[in-house]
Every structure is written in C-alpha cells, then in structure tokens.
Amino acid sequence: LVASCVRAGGLFVLGGPLEMPWEFDRLFKYDITSVLHEIGIEPEDVFDAHAPFRVTYEIHAVNGSALPLSTLSPPTIMFQPAAGAAQDGASYDVAGVGVRKNINDLTNA
C-alpha cells in the first residue's frame, strides 16, 4: 500500500460573515472508490479493522488559510455494494397517488 497521503477529492461550501447561519442537515456522500483502486485498496477492506489506511481531511478558506476541523463533521467510511451486486427482489405497484392529508379534517367513510 502507498505510505503517503493521496487526495481523494474536494468540496466547496459557500458562506461567510455576510451569509445566514447554516448547517448540513443531510448526509453528504463522496465516492472515493476510483482513488482507492488506484492505490491498491479494495472497498471491501473497510471491513478489516487492521487495514493500514485511514481517512483524514483538511478545511481551507478560499484564500488558502486553514479552518478548524470542527467546521464540518468528521468523515465516516461507508461501504455501499455496487449496483447489481445483489439479486433484485420482486417489486409491487401500489395503486393510486400518495396524498398527504390533515388527519384532523378527515371524515368517517
């Protein structure tokens, strides 16, 4: 395995002192599979607690200055099998269109 750091990608977030406060409220996924393959790591290696790799990250402002890592949540390694890796189960169509209703205004049928 490679004994040095390899850049797996980048992410840009807009914001600043003149912007409204914000926070991420949804999981952001960034696929690094191709980079793992380039350096000889298979995605399944995440299941090996003794595998000799780790994910680190740095956060920089547009002017290049370092920002605290607490600006974003730390990364998590997730394994998602490739599409088509498992057999497709049977699927069923549900008749009608789902409509949200206020349960306080419903009448008895």
N, C-alpha and C. Protein backbone atom coordinates (compact mmCIF):
# COMPACT_ATOMS: atom_id res chain seq x y z
N LEU A 1 0.83 -1.19 0.00
CA LEU A 1 0.00 0.00 0.00
C LEU A 1 0.87 1.25 0.00
N VAL A 2 0.30 2.31 -0.47
CA VAL A 2 1.00 3.58 -0.52
C VAL A 2 1.17 4.13 0.89
N ALA A 3 2.38 4.59 1.20
CA ALA A 3 2.66 5.08 2.56
C ALA A 3 2.51 6.59 2.68
N SER A 4 1.90 7.23 1.69
CA SER A 4 1.74 8.68 1.77
C SER A 4 0.28 9.05 1.56
N CYS A 5 0.00 10.32 1.74
CA CYS A 5 -1.35 10.84 1.60
C CYS A 5 -1.72 10.98 0.13
N VAL A 6 -2.97 10.68 -0.20
CA VAL A 6 -3.48 10.80 -1.56
C VAL A 6 -4.76 11.62 -1.51
N ARG A 7 -4.85 12.61 -2.37
CA ARG A 7 -6.06 13.43 -2.42
C ARG A 7 -7.17 12.65 -3.12
N ALA A 8 -8.31 12.53 -2.44
CA ALA A 8 -9.43 11.76 -3.00
C ALA A 8 -10.52 12.66 -3.55
N GLY A 9 -10.45 13.96 -3.33
CA GLY A 9 -11.47 14.85 -3.87
C GLY A 9 -11.54 16.16 -3.12
N GLY A 10 -12.48 16.97 -3.53
CA GLY A 10 -12.67 18.28 -2.91
C GLY A 10 -14.14 18.65 -2.86
N LEU A 11 -14.46 19.56 -1.99
CA LEU A 11 -15.84 20.00 -1.79
C LEU A 11 -15.79 21.50 -1.51
N PHE A 12 -16.69 22.24 -2.13
CA PHE A 12 -16.74 23.68 -1.91
C PHE A 12 -18.06 24.03 -1.24
N VAL A 13 -18.00 24.87 -0.21
CA VAL A 13 -19.18 25.32 0.51
C VAL A 13 -19.16 26.84 0.50
N LEU A 14 -20.26 27.43 0.06
CA LEU A 14 -20.37 28.89 0.07
C LEU A 14 -20.76 29.36 1.45
N GLY A 15 -20.34 30.56 1.80
CA GLY A 15 -20.72 31.11 3.10
C GLY A 15 -19.73 32.17 3.53
N GLY A 16 -19.98 32.79 4.62
CA GLY A 16 -19.11 33.82 5.14
C GLY A 16 -19.85 34.66 6.15
N PRO A 17 -19.19 35.71 6.64
CA PRO A 17 -19.80 36.53 7.70
C PRO A 17 -21.07 37.26 7.26
N LEU A 18 -21.25 37.46 5.96
CA LEU A 18 -22.44 38.16 5.48
C LEU A 18 -23.58 37.21 5.11
N GLU A 19 -23.35 35.91 5.24
CA GLU A 19 -24.36 34.90 4.91
C GLU A 19 -25.18 34.55 6.15
N MET A 20 -26.36 33.98 5.93
CA MET A 20 -27.17 33.50 7.03
C MET A 20 -26.49 32.28 7.66
N PRO A 21 -26.72 32.01 8.95
CA PRO A 21 -26.16 30.81 9.56
C PRO A 21 -26.69 29.56 8.85
N TRP A 22 -25.88 28.51 8.79
CA TRP A 22 -26.27 27.28 8.10
C TRP A 22 -25.63 26.09 8.79
N GLU A 23 -26.14 24.93 8.47
CA GLU A 23 -25.51 23.69 8.89
C GLU A 23 -26.02 22.59 7.94
N PHE A 24 -25.21 21.56 7.78
CA PHE A 24 -25.63 20.43 6.97
C PHE A 24 -26.63 19.62 7.77
N ASP A 25 -27.80 19.35 7.17
CA ASP A 25 -28.78 18.53 7.88
C ASP A 25 -29.03 17.22 7.15
N ARG A 26 -28.23 16.94 6.12
CA ARG A 26 -28.35 15.68 5.40
C ARG A 26 -26.96 15.10 5.18
N LEU A 27 -26.92 13.78 5.06
CA LEU A 27 -25.67 13.10 4.80
C LEU A 27 -25.16 13.44 3.41
N PHE A 28 -23.90 13.81 3.31
CA PHE A 28 -23.26 14.07 2.02
C PHE A 28 -22.34 12.90 1.72
N LYS A 29 -22.55 12.25 0.59
CA LYS A 29 -21.72 11.11 0.21
C LYS A 29 -20.77 11.54 -0.90
N TYR A 30 -19.52 11.13 -0.77
CA TYR A 30 -18.49 11.43 -1.78
C TYR A 30 -17.79 10.12 -2.10
N ASP A 31 -17.94 9.66 -3.33
CA ASP A 31 -17.40 8.36 -3.74
C ASP A 31 -15.90 8.47 -4.02
N ILE A 32 -15.10 7.70 -3.27
CA ILE A 32 -13.64 7.69 -3.47
C ILE A 32 -13.15 6.34 -3.97
N THR A 33 -14.07 5.51 -4.50
CA THR A 33 -13.73 4.16 -4.94
C THR A 33 -12.60 4.15 -5.96
N SER A 34 -12.65 5.03 -6.96
CA SER A 34 -11.62 5.04 -8.00
C SER A 34 -10.24 5.35 -7.42
N VAL A 35 -10.17 6.25 -6.44
CA VAL A 35 -8.90 6.58 -5.81
C VAL A 35 -8.39 5.39 -5.01
N LEU A 36 -9.29 4.70 -4.32
CA LEU A 36 -8.88 3.51 -3.57
C LEU A 36 -8.28 2.47 -4.51
N HIS A 37 -8.92 2.24 -5.65
CA HIS A 37 -8.40 1.27 -6.63
C HIS A 37 -7.01 1.69 -7.12
N GLU A 38 -6.82 2.98 -7.37
CA GLU A 38 -5.52 3.47 -7.87
C GLU A 38 -4.38 3.19 -6.91
N ILE A 39 -4.66 3.19 -5.61
CA ILE A 39 -3.58 2.97 -4.64
C ILE A 39 -3.59 1.56 -4.05
N GLY A 40 -4.40 0.67 -4.67
CA GLY A 40 -4.36 -0.73 -4.28
C GLY A 40 -5.20 -1.11 -3.09
N ILE A 41 -6.22 -0.33 -2.78
CA ILE A 41 -7.13 -0.65 -1.69
C ILE A 41 -8.47 -1.02 -2.29
N GLU A 42 -9.04 -2.12 -1.84
CA GLU A 42 -10.36 -2.53 -2.30
C GLU A 42 -11.41 -2.00 -1.34
N PRO A 43 -12.57 -1.58 -1.84
CA PRO A 43 -13.60 -1.05 -0.94
C PRO A 43 -13.97 -2.00 0.20
N GLU A 44 -13.90 -3.31 -0.05
CA GLU A 44 -14.23 -4.28 0.98
C GLU A 44 -13.24 -4.25 2.14
N ASP A 45 -12.08 -3.63 1.96
CA ASP A 45 -11.08 -3.54 3.02
C ASP A 45 -11.57 -2.74 4.24
N VAL A 46 -12.66 -1.98 4.07
CA VAL A 46 -13.19 -1.22 5.22
C VAL A 46 -13.67 -2.15 6.32
N PHE A 47 -13.93 -3.42 5.98
CA PHE A 47 -14.37 -4.39 6.98
C PHE A 47 -13.23 -4.95 7.79
N ASP A 48 -12.00 -4.68 7.39
CA ASP A 48 -10.80 -5.17 8.08
C ASP A 48 -10.33 -4.11 9.06
N ALA A 49 -10.53 -4.37 10.35
CA ALA A 49 -10.16 -3.38 11.38
C ALA A 49 -8.66 -3.11 11.41
N HIS A 50 -7.85 -4.01 10.85
CA HIS A 50 -6.40 -3.85 10.87
C HIS A 50 -5.85 -3.34 9.54
N ALA A 51 -6.74 -2.94 8.63
CA ALA A 51 -6.28 -2.43 7.33
C ALA A 51 -5.47 -1.15 7.55
N PRO A 52 -4.35 -1.03 6.84
CA PRO A 52 -3.44 0.10 7.07
C PRO A 52 -3.82 1.38 6.31
N PHE A 53 -5.03 1.85 6.50
CA PHE A 53 -5.40 3.13 5.88
C PHE A 53 -6.38 3.86 6.79
N ARG A 54 -6.48 5.15 6.55
CA ARG A 54 -7.42 5.98 7.29
C ARG A 54 -7.81 7.16 6.41
N VAL A 55 -8.90 7.79 6.75
CA VAL A 55 -9.37 8.96 6.02
C VAL A 55 -9.12 10.18 6.89
N THR A 56 -8.43 11.16 6.35
CA THR A 56 -8.23 12.43 7.05
C THR A 56 -8.76 13.54 6.16
N TYR A 57 -8.97 14.69 6.72
CA TYR A 57 -9.46 15.81 5.92
C TYR A 57 -8.90 17.13 6.44
N GLU A 58 -8.84 18.09 5.53
CA GLU A 58 -8.42 19.45 5.85
C GLU A 58 -9.47 20.39 5.31
N ILE A 59 -9.64 21.52 5.96
CA ILE A 59 -10.60 22.52 5.51
C ILE A 59 -9.85 23.83 5.31
N HIS A 60 -9.98 24.39 4.11
CA HIS A 60 -9.29 25.64 3.78
C HIS A 60 -10.28 26.66 3.25
N ALA A 61 -10.06 27.92 3.60
CA ALA A 61 -10.84 29.02 3.05
C ALA A 61 -10.37 29.29 1.63
N VAL A 62 -11.12 30.09 0.90
CA VAL A 62 -10.76 30.42 -0.48
C VAL A 62 -9.38 31.06 -0.54
N ASN A 63 -9.01 31.82 0.47
CA ASN A 63 -7.70 32.48 0.47
C ASN A 63 -6.57 31.53 0.88
N GLY A 64 -6.90 30.24 1.15
CA GLY A 64 -5.88 29.25 1.48
C GLY A 64 -5.63 29.06 2.96
N SER A 65 -6.21 29.90 3.81
CA SER A 65 -5.98 29.75 5.25
C SER A 65 -6.73 28.52 5.77
N ALA A 66 -6.14 27.87 6.76
CA ALA A 66 -6.74 26.67 7.35
C ALA A 66 -7.90 27.06 8.25
N LEU A 67 -8.98 26.29 8.20
CA LEU A 67 -10.14 26.48 9.06
C LEU A 67 -10.20 25.33 10.05
N PRO A 68 -10.85 25.53 11.20
CA PRO A 68 -10.93 24.44 12.18
C PRO A 68 -11.70 23.24 11.63
N LEU A 69 -11.24 22.04 11.97
CA LEU A 69 -11.91 20.83 11.50
C LEU A 69 -13.33 20.73 12.03
N SER A 70 -13.64 21.44 13.11
CA SER A 70 -14.99 21.41 13.67
C SER A 70 -16.00 22.13 12.77
N THR A 71 -15.53 22.76 11.70
CA THR A 71 -16.42 23.43 10.76
C THR A 71 -17.39 22.43 10.13
N LEU A 72 -16.91 21.22 9.85
CA LEU A 72 -17.74 20.15 9.29
C LEU A 72 -17.60 18.90 10.15
N SER A 73 -18.58 18.04 10.08
CA SER A 73 -18.50 16.77 10.81
C SER A 73 -17.37 15.93 10.24
N PRO A 74 -16.71 15.12 11.07
CA PRO A 74 -15.63 14.28 10.56
C PRO A 74 -16.17 13.24 9.58
N PRO A 75 -15.33 12.80 8.64
CA PRO A 75 -15.79 11.82 7.65
C PRO A 75 -16.03 10.45 8.26
N THR A 76 -16.92 9.71 7.64
CA THR A 76 -17.22 8.34 8.02
C THR A 76 -17.05 7.47 6.80
N ILE A 77 -16.42 6.33 6.95
CA ILE A 77 -16.27 5.40 5.84
C ILE A 77 -17.52 4.53 5.78
N MET A 78 -18.16 4.53 4.62
CA MET A 78 -19.35 3.71 4.41
C MET A 78 -19.11 2.79 3.23
N PHE A 79 -19.58 1.57 3.32
CA PHE A 79 -19.48 0.64 2.20
C PHE A 79 -20.86 0.47 1.60
N GLN A 80 -20.96 0.72 0.30
CA GLN A 80 -22.21 0.52 -0.41
C GLN A 80 -21.92 -0.41 -1.57
N PRO A 81 -22.52 -1.61 -1.61
CA PRO A 81 -22.25 -2.54 -2.70
C PRO A 81 -22.59 -1.92 -4.04
N ALA A 82 -21.90 -2.35 -5.07
CA ALA A 82 -22.13 -1.83 -6.42
C ALA A 82 -23.54 -2.16 -6.87
N ALA A 83 -24.07 -1.32 -7.75
CA ALA A 83 -25.40 -1.58 -8.30
C ALA A 83 -25.38 -2.91 -9.03
N GLY A 84 -26.42 -3.70 -8.82
CA GLY A 84 -26.49 -5.00 -9.47
C GLY A 84 -25.72 -6.09 -8.74
N ALA A 85 -25.15 -5.77 -7.58
CA ALA A 85 -24.37 -6.75 -6.84
C ALA A 85 -25.23 -7.81 -6.18
N ALA A 86 -26.51 -7.54 -5.99
CA ALA A 86 -27.42 -8.49 -5.37
C ALA A 86 -28.58 -8.76 -6.30
N GLN A 87 -29.27 -9.84 -6.08
CA GLN A 87 -30.44 -10.13 -6.89
C GLN A 87 -31.54 -9.15 -6.58
N ASP A 88 -32.26 -8.76 -7.62
CA ASP A 88 -33.39 -7.87 -7.43
C ASP A 88 -34.56 -8.66 -6.86
N GLY A 89 -35.19 -8.13 -5.84
CA GLY A 89 -36.37 -8.77 -5.28
C GLY A 89 -37.60 -8.38 -6.09
N ALA A 90 -38.69 -9.04 -5.85
CA ALA A 90 -39.92 -8.70 -6.54
C ALA A 90 -40.41 -7.34 -6.07
N SER A 91 -40.93 -6.56 -7.00
CA SER A 91 -41.47 -5.26 -6.63
C SER A 91 -42.96 -5.24 -6.97
N TYR A 92 -43.70 -4.46 -6.25
CA TYR A 92 -45.14 -4.41 -6.42
C TYR A 92 -45.55 -2.96 -6.63
N ASP A 93 -46.48 -2.74 -7.56
CA ASP A 93 -47.01 -1.41 -7.78
C ASP A 93 -48.10 -1.15 -6.76
N VAL A 94 -48.14 0.06 -6.26
CA VAL A 94 -49.19 0.47 -5.34
C VAL A 94 -50.13 1.36 -6.11
N ALA A 95 -51.40 1.02 -6.13
CA ALA A 95 -52.38 1.79 -6.88
C ALA A 95 -52.59 3.15 -6.25
N GLY A 96 -52.83 4.15 -7.09
CA GLY A 96 -53.14 5.48 -6.61
C GLY A 96 -51.90 6.31 -6.35
N VAL A 97 -52.14 7.56 -6.04
CA VAL A 97 -51.07 8.51 -5.76
C VAL A 97 -51.11 8.85 -4.29
N GLY A 98 -49.97 8.87 -3.64
CA GLY A 98 -49.92 9.22 -2.24
C GLY A 98 -50.25 10.69 -2.03
N VAL A 99 -51.18 10.99 -1.15
CA VAL A 99 -51.57 12.36 -0.86
C VAL A 99 -51.51 12.56 0.64
N ARG A 100 -50.87 13.63 1.07
CA ARG A 100 -50.83 13.93 2.50
C ARG A 100 -52.11 14.67 2.87
N LYS A 101 -52.69 14.28 3.99
CA LYS A 101 -53.92 14.92 4.45
C LYS A 101 -53.79 15.27 5.92
N ASN A 102 -54.51 16.29 6.30
CA ASN A 102 -54.58 16.68 7.69
C ASN A 102 -55.56 15.74 8.39
N ILE A 103 -55.06 14.92 9.32
CA ILE A 103 -55.92 13.91 9.94
C ILE A 103 -57.03 14.56 10.81
N ASN A 104 -56.90 15.80 11.16
CA ASN A 104 -57.92 16.47 11.96
C ASN A 104 -59.13 16.86 11.11
N ASP A 105 -58.99 16.88 9.76
CA ASP A 105 -60.08 17.27 8.88
C ASP A 105 -60.72 16.09 8.15
N LEU A 106 -60.32 14.85 8.45
CA LEU A 106 -60.87 13.70 7.76
C LEU A 106 -62.26 13.35 8.31
N THR A 107 -63.12 12.83 7.41
CA THR A 107 -64.46 12.39 7.83
C THR A 107 -64.49 10.87 7.82
N ASN A 108 -65.44 10.29 8.52
CA ASN A 108 -65.59 8.83 8.52
C ASN A 108 -66.10 8.38 7.17
N ALA A 109 -65.62 7.25 6.70
CA ALA A 109 -66.04 6.74 5.39
C ALA A 109 -67.32 5.99 5.48
